[in-house]
């Protein structure tokens, strides 16, 4: 009952011997290690993106507090087009 259901022998084939089971387990471990490496790289990249975006939000919030909208260097609005 301690066996994983995916490791259960297929009734249409002979049960795997010890070497075949070890080989299958090694293959699964290798696949899982590769997947973990890929997930770690993706997580690291996303973390860097979040850090950059947080820094940008902080900069924009500071600019808004200081009244620097970036539309004009002297802070005055241009006259409407009908003037």
C-alpha atoms as a PDB file:
ATOM      1  CA  UNK A   1       0.000   0.000   0.000  1.00  0.00           C
ATOM      2  CA  UNK A   2       3.058   2.252   0.276  1.00  0.00           C
ATOM      3  CA  UNK A   3       3.502   2.327  -3.514  1.00  0.00           C
ATOM      4  CA  UNK A   4       2.629   5.387  -5.535  1.00  0.00           C
ATOM      5  CA  UNK A   5      -0.383   4.683  -7.743  1.00  0.00           C
ATOM      6  CA  UNK A   6       1.566   5.869 -10.813  1.00  0.00           C
ATOM      7  CA  UNK A   7       4.194   3.245 -10.011  1.00  0.00           C
ATOM      8  CA  UNK A   8       1.624   0.439  -9.981  1.00  0.00           C
ATOM      9  CA  UNK A   9       2.486  -2.273 -12.473  1.00  0.00           C
ATOM     10  CA  UNK A  10       0.582  -2.347 -15.731  1.00  0.00           C
ATOM     11  CA  UNK A  11      -1.432  -5.565 -15.881  1.00  0.00           C
ATOM     12  CA  UNK A  12      -0.678  -5.969 -19.605  1.00  0.00           C
ATOM     13  CA  UNK A  13       3.094  -5.980 -19.039  1.00  0.00           C
ATOM     14  CA  UNK A  14       5.390  -7.767 -16.698  1.00  0.00           C
ATOM     15  CA  UNK A  15       6.218  -6.013 -13.437  1.00  0.00           C
ATOM     16  CA  UNK A  16       9.430  -3.956 -13.594  1.00  0.00           C
ATOM     17  CA  UNK A  17      12.469  -5.402 -11.940  1.00  0.00           C
ATOM     18  CA  UNK A  18      14.556  -3.474  -9.423  1.00  0.00           C
ATOM     19  CA  UNK A  19      16.914  -1.988 -12.025  1.00  0.00           C
ATOM     20  CA  UNK A  20      14.016  -0.737 -14.164  1.00  0.00           C
ATOM     21  CA  UNK A  21      12.356   0.866 -11.146  1.00  0.00           C
ATOM     22  CA  UNK A  22      15.588   2.575 -10.150  1.00  0.00           C
ATOM     23  CA  UNK A  23      16.081   3.821 -13.695  1.00  0.00           C
ATOM     24  CA  UNK A  24      12.503   5.151 -13.787  1.00  0.00           C
ATOM     25  CA  UNK A  25      12.953   6.909 -10.440  1.00  0.00           C
ATOM     26  CA  UNK A  26      16.263   8.437 -11.546  1.00  0.00           C
ATOM     27  CA  UNK A  27      14.591   9.695 -14.711  1.00  0.00           C
ATOM     28  CA  UNK A  28      11.785  11.275 -12.712  1.00  0.00           C
ATOM     29  CA  UNK A  29      14.216  12.913 -10.303  1.00  0.00           C
ATOM     30  CA  UNK A  30      16.223  14.352 -13.207  1.00  0.00           C
ATOM     31  CA  UNK A  31      13.040  15.756 -14.769  1.00  0.00           C
ATOM     32  CA  UNK A  32      11.953  17.268 -11.451  1.00  0.00           C
ATOM     33  CA  UNK A  33      15.380  18.824 -10.850  1.00  0.00           C
ATOM     34  CA  UNK A  34      15.300  20.427 -14.312  1.00  0.00           C
ATOM     35  CA  UNK A  35      11.788  21.732 -13.685  1.00  0.00           C
ATOM     36  CA  UNK A  36      12.812  23.163 -10.305  1.00  0.00           C
ATOM     37  CA  UNK A  37      15.762  24.950 -11.963  1.00  0.00           C
ATOM     38  CA  UNK A  38      13.444  26.463 -14.581  1.00  0.00           C
ATOM     39  CA  UNK A  39      10.980  27.581 -11.915  1.00  0.00           C
ATOM     40  CA  UNK A  40      13.767  29.130  -9.825  1.00  0.00           C
ATOM     41  CA  UNK A  41      14.995  31.113 -12.843  1.00  0.00           C
ATOM     42  CA  UNK A  42      11.468  32.318 -13.630  1.00  0.00           C
ATOM     43  CA  UNK A  43      10.900  33.300 -10.005  1.00  0.00           C
ATOM     44  CA  UNK A  44      14.197  35.220  -9.910  1.00  0.00           C
ATOM     45  CA  UNK A  45      13.325  37.104 -13.112  1.00  0.00           C
ATOM     46  CA  UNK A  46       9.854  37.949 -11.808  1.00  0.00           C
ATOM     47  CA  UNK A  47      11.335  39.141  -8.532  1.00  0.00           C
ATOM     48  CA  UNK A  48      13.670  41.475 -10.413  1.00  0.00           C
ATOM     49  CA  UNK A  49      10.748  42.799 -12.465  1.00  0.00           C
ATOM     50  CA  UNK A  50       8.687  43.434  -9.335  1.00  0.00           C
ATOM     51  CA  UNK A  51      11.626  45.272  -7.743  1.00  0.00           C
ATOM     52  CA  UNK A  52      12.057  47.489 -10.830  1.00  0.00           C
ATOM     53  CA  UNK A  53       8.338  48.251 -10.978  1.00  0.00           C
ATOM     54  CA  UNK A  54       8.187  49.050  -7.249  1.00  0.00           C
ATOM     55  CA  UNK A  55      11.102  51.464  -7.677  1.00  0.00           C
ATOM     56  CA  UNK A  56       9.356  53.090 -10.632  1.00  0.00           C
ATOM     57  CA  UNK A  57       6.095  53.470  -8.684  1.00  0.00           C
ATOM     58  CA  UNK A  58       8.018  55.073  -5.818  1.00  0.00           C
ATOM     59  CA  UNK A  59       9.666  57.506  -8.244  1.00  0.00           C
ATOM     60  CA  UNK A  60       6.343  58.388  -9.848  1.00  0.00           C
ATOM     61  CA  UNK A  61       4.675  58.875  -6.455  1.00  0.00           C
ATOM     62  CA  UNK A  62       7.481  61.208  -5.418  1.00  0.00           C
ATOM     63  CA  UNK A  63       7.153  63.160  -8.662  1.00  0.00           C
ATOM     64  CA  UNK A  64       3.398  63.535  -8.146  1.00  0.00           C
ATOM     65  CA  UNK A  65       3.905  64.727  -4.559  1.00  0.00           C
ATOM     66  CA  UNK A  66       6.372  67.325  -5.786  1.00  0.00           C
ATOM     67  CA  UNK A  67       4.027  68.406  -8.559  1.00  0.00           C
ATOM     68  CA  UNK A  68       6.285  67.276 -11.375  1.00  0.00           C
ATOM     69  CA  UNK A  69       3.877  65.903 -13.942  1.00  0.00           C
ATOM     70  CA  UNK A  70       6.416  65.990 -16.759  1.00  0.00           C
ATOM     71  CA  UNK A  71       4.079  67.903 -19.101  1.00  0.00           C
ATOM     72  CA  UNK A  72       5.940  71.221 -18.908  1.00  0.00           C
ATOM     73  CA  UNK A  73       9.255  72.252 -17.418  1.00  0.00           C
ATOM     74  CA  UNK A  74       8.030  75.494 -15.771  1.00  0.00           C
ATOM     75  CA  UNK A  75       4.839  74.004 -14.331  1.00  0.00           C
ATOM     76  CA  UNK A  76       2.449  76.235 -16.307  1.00  0.00           C
ATOM     77  CA  UNK A  77      -0.228  74.799 -18.535  1.00  0.00           C
ATOM     78  CA  UNK A  78      -0.188  75.898 -22.174  1.00  0.00           C
ATOM     79  CA  UNK A  79      -3.129  78.035 -23.307  1.00  0.00           C
ATOM     80  CA  UNK A  80      -6.083  76.271 -24.923  1.00  0.00           C
ATOM     81  CA  UNK A  81      -5.810  75.833 -28.720  1.00  0.00           C
ATOM     82  CA  UNK A  82      -8.496  78.470 -29.500  1.00  0.00           C
ATOM     83  CA  UNK A  83      -6.294  81.349 -28.242  1.00  0.00           C
END
